[in-house]
Amino acid sequence: MWEELEERVLCCAEYIVDTGCTVRACSAHFAVSKSTVHKDMTERLPYIDKVLYLSLIHISEPTRLRC
């Protein structure tokens, strides 16, 4: 179960970094809720991949990670 969660978090983060999309677009693409994407990016990603998290924050505007 944790492997699937970690894989989803990394896939969503890479998708946002590559496309520059919003949380809403990412949630539609991966068929999960906006709340899930937001929690994945703000709470789980820093523990899974700090470098990817920092690049996500660097390219994202502060409003991009809001629902």
Protein backbone atom coordinates (compact mmCIF):
# COMPACT_ATOMS: atom_id res chain seq x y z
CA MET A 1 0.00 0.00 0.00
CA TRP A 2 2.74 2.47 0.90
CA GLU A 3 4.50 1.81 -2.40
CA GLU A 4 1.35 2.80 -4.31
CA LEU A 5 0.97 5.96 -2.24
CA GLU A 6 4.60 6.90 -2.77
CA GLU A 7 4.32 6.20 -6.49
CA ARG A 8 1.21 8.42 -6.77
CA VAL A 9 2.93 11.26 -4.91
CA LEU A 10 5.99 11.11 -7.16
CA CYS A 11 3.93 10.81 -10.36
CA CYS A 12 1.78 13.79 -9.43
CA ALA A 13 4.78 15.90 -8.45
CA GLU A 14 6.65 15.07 -11.66
CA TYR A 15 3.53 15.82 -13.70
CA ILE A 16 3.12 19.24 -12.06
CA VAL A 17 6.81 20.07 -12.51
CA ASP A 18 6.81 18.93 -16.17
CA THR A 19 3.55 20.59 -17.21
CA GLY A 20 3.24 23.48 -14.76
CA CYS A 21 -0.40 22.52 -14.24
CA THR A 22 -2.57 23.34 -11.26
CA VAL A 23 -3.71 21.04 -8.48
CA ARG A 24 -7.11 20.86 -10.16
CA ALA A 25 -5.64 19.75 -13.49
CA CYS A 26 -3.40 17.21 -11.79
CA SER A 27 -6.29 15.77 -9.81
CA ALA A 28 -8.35 15.39 -12.99
CA HIS A 29 -5.45 13.75 -14.82
CA PHE A 30 -4.84 11.16 -12.08
CA ALA A 31 -8.52 10.80 -11.07
CA VAL A 32 -7.99 11.73 -7.43
CA SER A 33 -9.44 14.58 -5.40
CA LYS A 34 -7.88 18.02 -5.21
CA SER A 35 -7.49 17.52 -1.47
CA THR A 36 -5.46 14.37 -2.07
CA VAL A 37 -3.11 16.11 -4.52
CA HIS A 38 -2.72 19.07 -2.20
CA LYS A 39 -1.92 16.86 0.80
CA ASP A 40 0.46 14.76 -1.30
CA MET A 41 2.37 17.82 -2.51
CA THR A 42 2.50 19.76 0.75
CA GLU A 43 2.76 17.06 3.42
CA ARG A 44 3.98 13.80 1.88
CA LEU A 45 6.34 14.87 -0.89
CA PRO A 46 8.87 16.62 1.41
CA TYR A 47 9.44 13.30 3.21
CA ILE A 48 9.59 11.22 0.04
CA ASP A 49 11.74 13.39 -2.24
CA LYS A 50 13.04 16.68 -0.85
CA VAL A 51 14.74 17.69 -4.12
CA LEU A 52 11.56 17.20 -6.14
CA TYR A 53 9.61 19.10 -3.50
CA LEU A 54 12.01 22.04 -3.71
CA SER A 55 11.81 22.10 -7.50
CA LEU A 56 8.02 22.00 -7.28
CA ILE A 57 8.00 24.94 -4.89
CA HIS A 58 10.54 26.79 -7.03
CA ILE A 59 8.51 26.59 -10.24
CA SER A 60 5.07 26.93 -8.66
CA GLU A 61 3.44 30.15 -7.73
CA PRO A 62 2.19 30.13 -4.16
CA THR A 63 -1.41 29.88 -5.36
CA ARG A 64 -0.78 26.79 -7.51
CA LEU A 65 -0.81 24.47 -4.51
CA ARG A 66 -4.08 25.81 -3.19
CA CYS A 67 -7.34 24.05 -3.98
